[in-house]
Amino acid sequence: MTRVGGNATIILEKDGKKLIPKVNIYESSRKFEKILIGKKVEEIPDLVSRICGICHVPHKLGGVTSSP
């Protein structure tokens, strides 16, 4: 795992000679949807692409497909 936007814990459990990884990812609520209220539909893809600097393209595509 190279990057996580938020906090993560990795717990390794041992079952005999085998290690079992358990990953918990916690992301805080950003309330980004509140910022979009009252914005023009054309602005939404550009605004949501700023949610994450790592995965901006999926956010932008999600903004395009969810726009009315």
PDB file of N, CA and C in Angstrom:
ATOM      1  N   MET A   1       0.859  -1.155   0.000  1.00  0.00           N
ATOM      2  CA  MET A   1       0.000   0.000   0.000  1.00  0.00           C
ATOM      3  C   MET A   1       0.913   1.227   0.000  1.00  0.00           C
ATOM      4  N   THR A   2       0.780   2.061  -1.019  1.00  0.00           N
ATOM      5  CA  THR A   2       1.699   3.180  -1.128  1.00  0.00           C
ATOM      6  C   THR A   2       1.142   4.469  -0.539  1.00  0.00           C
ATOM      7  N   ARG A   3      -0.140   4.763  -0.744  1.00  0.00           N
ATOM      8  CA  ARG A   3      -0.711   6.007  -0.242  1.00  0.00           C
ATOM      9  C   ARG A   3      -2.129   5.789   0.250  1.00  0.00           C
ATOM     10  N   VAL A   4      -2.452   6.478   1.328  1.00  0.00           N
ATOM     11  CA  VAL A   4      -3.800   6.427   1.869  1.00  0.00           C
ATOM     12  C   VAL A   4      -4.201   7.850   2.214  1.00  0.00           C
ATOM     13  N   GLY A   5      -5.352   8.279   1.721  1.00  0.00           N
ATOM     14  CA  GLY A   5      -5.856   9.610   2.063  1.00  0.00           C
ATOM     15  C   GLY A   5      -6.660   9.516   3.343  1.00  0.00           C
ATOM     16  N   GLY A   6      -6.035   9.674   4.456  1.00  0.00           N
ATOM     17  CA  GLY A   6      -6.684   9.521   5.749  1.00  0.00           C
ATOM     18  C   GLY A   6      -5.730   8.818   6.689  1.00  0.00           C
ATOM     19  N   ASN A   7      -6.248   8.089   7.621  1.00  0.00           N
ATOM     20  CA  ASN A   7      -5.423   7.334   8.560  1.00  0.00           C
ATOM     21  C   ASN A   7      -5.641   5.850   8.325  1.00  0.00           C
ATOM     22  N   ALA A   8      -4.587   5.089   8.480  1.00  0.00           N
ATOM     23  CA  ALA A   8      -4.691   3.650   8.263  1.00  0.00           C
ATOM     24  C   ALA A   8      -3.924   2.908   9.343  1.00  0.00           C
ATOM     25  N   THR A   9      -4.416   1.732   9.658  1.00  0.00           N
ATOM     26  CA  THR A   9      -3.687   0.833  10.541  1.00  0.00           C
ATOM     27  C   THR A   9      -3.570  -0.511   9.840  1.00  0.00           C
ATOM     28  N   ILE A  10      -2.428  -1.113   9.994  1.00  0.00           N
ATOM     29  CA  ILE A  10      -2.209  -2.451   9.447  1.00  0.00           C
ATOM     30  C   ILE A  10      -1.885  -3.362  10.626  1.00  0.00           C
ATOM     31  N   ILE A  11      -2.684  -4.388  10.791  1.00  0.00           N
ATOM     32  CA  ILE A  11      -2.499  -5.338  11.881  1.00  0.00           C
ATOM     33  C   ILE A  11      -2.115  -6.677  11.258  1.00  0.00           C
ATOM     34  N   LEU A  12      -1.022  -7.238  11.720  1.00  0.00           N
ATOM     35  CA  LEU A  12      -0.586  -8.553  11.248  1.00  0.00           C
ATOM     36  C   LEU A  12      -0.879  -9.580  12.334  1.00  0.00           C
ATOM     37  N   GLU A  13      -1.680 -10.543  11.980  1.00  0.00           N
ATOM     38  CA  GLU A  13      -1.978 -11.640  12.908  1.00  0.00           C
ATOM     39  C   GLU A  13      -1.245 -12.884  12.429  1.00  0.00           C
ATOM     40  N   LYS A  14      -0.760 -13.646  13.369  1.00  0.00           N
ATOM     41  CA  LYS A  14      -0.019 -14.852  13.035  1.00  0.00           C
ATOM     42  C   LYS A  14      -0.890 -16.066  13.289  1.00  0.00           C
ATOM     43  N   ASP A  15      -1.020 -16.891  12.258  1.00  0.00           N
ATOM     44  CA  ASP A  15      -1.776 -18.136  12.351  1.00  0.00           C
ATOM     45  C   ASP A  15      -0.802 -19.260  12.024  1.00  0.00           C
ATOM     46  N   GLY A  16      -0.172 -19.769  13.046  1.00  0.00           N
ATOM     47  CA  GLY A  16       0.881 -20.757  12.815  1.00  0.00           C
ATOM     48  C   GLY A  16       2.092 -20.061  12.213  1.00  0.00           C
ATOM     49  N   LYS A  17       2.459 -20.465  11.011  1.00  0.00           N
ATOM     50  CA  LYS A  17       3.575 -19.817  10.313  1.00  0.00           C
ATOM     51  C   LYS A  17       3.105 -18.791   9.295  1.00  0.00           C
ATOM     52  N   LYS A  18       1.801 -18.611   9.201  1.00  0.00           N
ATOM     53  CA  LYS A  18       1.225 -17.720   8.198  1.00  0.00           C
ATOM     54  C   LYS A  18       0.834 -16.378   8.820  1.00  0.00           C
ATOM     55  N   LEU A  19       1.218 -15.270   8.152  1.00  0.00           N
ATOM     56  CA  LEU A  19       0.817 -13.937   8.596  1.00  0.00           C
ATOM     57  C   LEU A  19      -0.447 -13.510   7.852  1.00  0.00           C
ATOM     58  N   ILE A  20      -1.408 -12.992   8.589  1.00  0.00           N
ATOM     59  CA  ILE A  20      -2.667 -12.538   7.999  1.00  0.00           C
ATOM     60  C   ILE A  20      -2.775 -11.035   8.204  1.00  0.00           C
ATOM     61  N   PRO A  21      -2.663 -10.247   7.120  1.00  0.00           N
ATOM     62  CA  PRO A  21      -2.757  -8.787   7.271  1.00  0.00           C
ATOM     63  C   PRO A  21      -4.213  -8.324   7.320  1.00  0.00           C
ATOM     64  N   LYS A  22      -4.480  -7.371   8.187  1.00  0.00           N
ATOM     65  CA  LYS A  22      -5.796  -6.740   8.263  1.00  0.00           C
ATOM     66  C   LYS A  22      -5.571  -5.243   8.172  1.00  0.00           C
ATOM     67  N   VAL A  23      -6.254  -4.608   7.230  1.00  0.00           N
ATOM     68  CA  VAL A  23      -6.075  -3.181   6.989  1.00  0.00           C
ATOM     69  C   VAL A  23      -7.368  -2.451   7.328  1.00  0.00           C
ATOM     70  N   ASN A  24      -7.254  -1.416   8.130  1.00  0.00           N
ATOM     71  CA  ASN A  24      -8.379  -0.544   8.442  1.00  0.00           C
ATOM     72  C   ASN A  24      -8.034   0.864   7.986  1.00  0.00           C
ATOM     73  N   ILE A  25      -8.886   1.450   7.146  1.00  0.00           N
ATOM     74  CA  ILE A  25      -8.660   2.808   6.654  1.00  0.00           C
ATOM     75  C   ILE A  25      -9.776   3.696   7.191  1.00  0.00           C
ATOM     76  N   TYR A  26      -9.378   4.763   7.832  1.00  0.00           N
ATOM     77  CA  TYR A  26     -10.331   5.700   8.405  1.00  0.00           C
ATOM     78  C   TYR A  26     -10.184   7.041   7.694  1.00  0.00           C
ATOM     79  N   GLU A  27     -11.245   7.491   7.081  1.00  0.00           N
ATOM     80  CA  GLU A  27     -11.245   8.805   6.450  1.00  0.00           C
ATOM     81  C   GLU A  27     -12.250   9.678   7.155  1.00  0.00           C
ATOM     82  N   SER A  28     -11.828  10.861   7.486  1.00  0.00           N
ATOM     83  CA  SER A  28     -12.752  11.775   8.144  1.00  0.00           C
ATOM     84  C   SER A  28     -13.723  12.353   7.111  1.00  0.00           C
ATOM     85  N   SER A  29     -14.850  12.772   7.596  1.00  0.00           N
ATOM     86  CA  SER A  29     -15.847  13.379   6.730  1.00  0.00           C
ATOM     87  C   SER A  29     -15.363  14.767   6.316  1.00  0.00           C
ATOM     88  N   ARG A  30     -15.393  15.040   5.034  1.00  0.00           N
ATOM     89  CA  ARG A  30     -14.902  16.333   4.543  1.00  0.00           C
ATOM     90  C   ARG A  30     -16.016  17.306   4.219  1.00  0.00           C
ATOM     91  N   LYS A  31     -17.242  16.809   4.185  1.00  0.00           N
ATOM     92  CA  LYS A  31     -18.408  17.661   3.899  1.00  0.00           C
ATOM     93  C   LYS A  31     -18.266  18.385   2.559  1.00  0.00           C
ATOM     94  N   PHE A  32     -17.617  17.734   1.603  1.00  0.00           N
ATOM     95  CA  PHE A  32     -17.375  18.359   0.307  1.00  0.00           C
ATOM     96  C   PHE A  32     -18.671  18.632  -0.443  1.00  0.00           C
ATOM     97  N   GLU A  33     -19.678  17.801  -0.203  1.00  0.00           N
ATOM     98  CA  GLU A  33     -20.949  17.987  -0.902  1.00  0.00           C
ATOM     99  C   GLU A  33     -21.577  19.335  -0.570  1.00  0.00           C
ATOM    100  N   LYS A  34     -21.357  19.815   0.643  1.00  0.00           N
ATOM    101  CA  LYS A  34     -21.926  21.092   1.083  1.00  0.00           C
ATOM    102  C   LYS A  34     -21.382  22.246   0.231  1.00  0.00           C
ATOM    103  N   ILE A  35     -20.141  22.156  -0.189  1.00  0.00           N
ATOM    104  CA  ILE A  35     -19.528  23.197  -1.010  1.00  0.00           C
ATOM    105  C   ILE A  35     -20.188  23.262  -2.387  1.00  0.00           C
ATOM    106  N   LEU A  36     -20.717  22.145  -2.862  1.00  0.00           N
ATOM    107  CA  LEU A  36     -21.274  22.080  -4.209  1.00  0.00           C
ATOM    108  C   LEU A  36     -22.683  22.648  -4.320  1.00  0.00           C
ATOM    109  N   ILE A  37     -23.346  22.855  -3.192  1.00  0.00           N
ATOM    110  CA  ILE A  37     -24.715  23.375  -3.228  1.00  0.00           C
ATOM    111  C   ILE A  37     -24.708  24.778  -3.826  1.00  0.00           C
ATOM    112  N   GLY A  38     -25.550  24.958  -4.837  1.00  0.00           N
ATOM    113  CA  GLY A  38     -25.666  26.258  -5.494  1.00  0.00           C
ATOM    114  C   GLY A  38     -24.675  26.495  -6.619  1.00  0.00           C
ATOM    115  N   LYS A  39     -23.779  25.554  -6.869  1.00  0.00           N
ATOM    116  CA  LYS A  39     -22.802  25.704  -7.957  1.00  0.00           C
ATOM    117  C   LYS A  39     -23.436  25.281  -9.271  1.00  0.00           C
ATOM    118  N   LYS A  40     -22.889  25.801 -10.354  1.00  0.00           N
ATOM    119  CA  LYS A  40     -23.360  25.396 -11.680  1.00  0.00           C
ATOM    120  C   LYS A  40     -22.913  23.963 -11.960  1.00  0.00           C
ATOM    121  N   VAL A  41     -23.732  23.231 -12.691  1.00  0.00           N
ATOM    122  CA  VAL A  41     -23.426  21.836 -13.023  1.00  0.00           C
ATOM    123  C   VAL A  41     -22.082  21.731 -13.733  1.00  0.00           C
ATOM    124  N   GLU A  42     -21.769  22.698 -14.566  1.00  0.00           N
ATOM    125  CA  GLU A  42     -20.512  22.651 -15.321  1.00  0.00           C
ATOM    126  C   GLU A  42     -19.288  22.786 -14.418  1.00  0.00           C
ATOM    127  N   GLU A  43     -19.446  23.367 -13.233  1.00  0.00           N
ATOM    128  CA  GLU A  43     -18.322  23.573 -12.317  1.00  0.00           C
ATOM    129  C   GLU A  43     -18.006  22.339 -11.476  1.00  0.00           C
ATOM    130  N   ILE A  44     -18.980  21.451 -11.319  1.00  0.00           N
ATOM    131  CA  ILE A  44     -18.837  20.331 -10.381  1.00  0.00           C
ATOM    132  C   ILE A  44     -17.643  19.421 -10.693  1.00  0.00           C
ATOM    133  N   PRO A  45     -17.429  18.976 -11.938  1.00  0.00           N
ATOM    134  CA  PRO A  45     -16.274  18.096 -12.174  1.00  0.00           C
ATOM    135  C   PRO A  45     -14.934  18.731 -11.791  1.00  0.00           C
ATOM    136  N   ASP A  46     -14.763  20.012 -12.060  1.00  0.00           N
ATOM    137  CA  ASP A  46     -13.503  20.666 -11.698  1.00  0.00           C
ATOM    138  C   ASP A  46     -13.359  20.820 -10.190  1.00  0.00           C
ATOM    139  N   LEU A  47     -14.461  21.089  -9.511  1.00  0.00           N
ATOM    140  CA  LEU A  47     -14.404  21.236  -8.052  1.00  0.00           C
ATOM    141  C   LEU A  47     -14.122  19.911  -7.360  1.00  0.00           C
ATOM    142  N   VAL A  48     -14.805  18.841  -7.770  1.00  0.00           N
ATOM    143  CA  VAL A  48     -14.599  17.549  -7.096  1.00  0.00           C
ATOM    144  C   VAL A  48     -13.250  16.928  -7.432  1.00  0.00           C
ATOM    145  N   SER A  49     -12.629  17.357  -8.520  1.00  0.00           N
ATOM    146  CA  SER A  49     -11.298  16.826  -8.835  1.00  0.00           C
ATOM    147  C   SER A  49     -10.259  17.308  -7.832  1.00  0.00           C
ATOM    148  N   ARG A  50     -10.601  18.290  -7.020  1.00  0.00           N
ATOM    149  CA  ARG A  50      -9.684  18.818  -6.002  1.00  0.00           C
ATOM    150  C   ARG A  50      -9.796  18.083  -4.668  1.00  0.00           C
ATOM    151  N   ILE A  51     -10.705  17.117  -4.578  1.00  0.00           N
ATOM    152  CA  ILE A  51     -10.878  16.379  -3.321  1.00  0.00           C
ATOM    153  C   ILE A  51      -9.572  15.688  -2.947  1.00  0.00           C
ATOM    154  N   CYS A  52      -8.907  15.121  -3.922  1.00  0.00           N
ATOM    155  CA  CYS A  52      -7.706  14.338  -3.661  1.00  0.00           C
ATOM    156  C   CYS A  52      -6.656  14.649  -4.719  1.00  0.00           C
ATOM    157  N   GLY A  53      -5.443  14.895  -4.286  1.00  0.00           N
ATOM    158  CA  GLY A  53      -4.368  15.183  -5.227  1.00  0.00           C
ATOM    159  C   GLY A  53      -3.799  13.941  -5.882  1.00  0.00           C
ATOM    160  N   ILE A  54      -4.117  12.778  -5.343  1.00  0.00           N
ATOM    161  CA  ILE A  54      -3.585  11.526  -5.870  1.00  0.00           C
ATOM    162  C   ILE A  54      -4.516  10.965  -6.938  1.00  0.00           C
ATOM    163  N   CYS A  55      -5.803  10.954  -6.642  1.00  0.00           N
ATOM    164  CA  CYS A  55      -6.763  10.302  -7.545  1.00  0.00           C
ATOM    165  C   CYS A  55      -7.784  11.310  -8.075  1.00  0.00           C
ATOM    166  N   HIS A  56      -7.298  12.396  -8.636  1.00  0.00           N
ATOM    167  CA  HIS A  56      -8.178  13.453  -9.128  1.00  0.00           C
ATOM    168  C   HIS A  56      -9.009  13.038 -10.337  1.00  0.00           C
ATOM    169  N   VAL A  57      -8.490  12.160 -11.159  1.00  0.00           N
ATOM    170  CA  VAL A  57      -9.222  11.760 -12.368  1.00  0.00           C
ATOM    171  C   VAL A  57     -10.500  10.976 -12.030  1.00  0.00           C
ATOM    172  N   PRO A  58     -10.454   9.967 -11.151  1.00  0.00           N
ATOM    173  CA  PRO A  58     -11.712   9.281 -10.818  1.00  0.00           C
ATOM    174  C   PRO A  58     -12.752  10.209 -10.177  1.00  0.00           C
ATOM    175  N   HIS A  59     -12.282  11.164  -9.370  1.00  0.00           N
ATOM    176  CA  HIS A  59     -13.213  12.111  -8.773  1.00  0.00           C
ATOM    177  C   HIS A  59     -13.855  12.984  -9.843  1.00  0.00           C
ATOM    178  N   LYS A  60     -13.070  13.416 -10.802  1.00  0.00           N
ATOM    179  CA  LYS A  60     -13.603  14.249 -11.885  1.00  0.00           C
ATOM    180  C   LYS A  60     -14.599  13.456 -12.723  1.00  0.00           C
ATOM    181  N   LEU A  61     -14.264  12.226 -13.057  1.00  0.00           N
ATOM    182  CA  LEU A  61     -15.184  11.390 -13.829  1.00  0.00           C
ATOM    183  C   LEU A  61     -16.466  11.121 -13.045  1.00  0.00           C
ATOM    184  N   GLY A  62     -16.351  10.923 -11.733  1.00  0.00           N
ATOM    185  CA  GLY A  62     -17.531  10.739 -10.904  1.00  0.00           C
ATOM    186  C   GLY A  62     -18.404  11.981 -10.898  1.00  0.00           C
ATOM    187  N   GLY A  63     -17.767  13.155 -10.912  1.00  0.00           N
ATOM    188  CA  GLY A  63     -18.516  14.404 -10.974  1.00  0.00           C
ATOM    189  C   GLY A  63     -19.232  14.594 -12.299  1.00  0.00           C
ATOM    190  N   VAL A  64     -18.642  14.101 -13.357  1.00  0.00           N
ATOM    191  CA  VAL A  64     -19.265  14.203 -14.677  1.00  0.00           C
ATOM    192  C   VAL A  64     -20.467  13.265 -14.753  1.00  0.00           C
ATOM    193  N   THR A  65     -20.302  12.044 -14.274  1.00  0.00           N
ATOM    194  CA  THR A  65     -21.378  11.064 -14.406  1.00  0.00           C
ATOM    195  C   THR A  65     -22.515  11.299 -13.426  1.00  0.00           C
ATOM    196  N   SER A  66     -22.251  12.013 -12.316  1.00  0.00           N
ATOM    197  CA  SER A  66     -23.331  12.227 -11.347  1.00  0.00           C
ATOM    198  C   SER A  66     -24.033  13.564 -11.556  1.00  0.00           C
ATOM    199  N   SER A  67     -23.534  14.373 -12.469  1.00  0.00           N
ATOM    200  CA  SER A  67     -24.195  15.658 -12.729  1.00  0.00           C
ATOM    201  C   SER A  67     -25.515  15.410 -13.433  1.00  0.00           C
ATOM    202  N   PRO A  68     -26.580  16.167 -13.048  1.00  0.00           N
ATOM    203  CA  PRO A  68     -27.898  15.941 -13.682  1.00  0.00           C
ATOM    204  C   PRO A  68     -27.929  16.316 -15.138  1.00  0.00           C
TER     205      PRO A  68
END
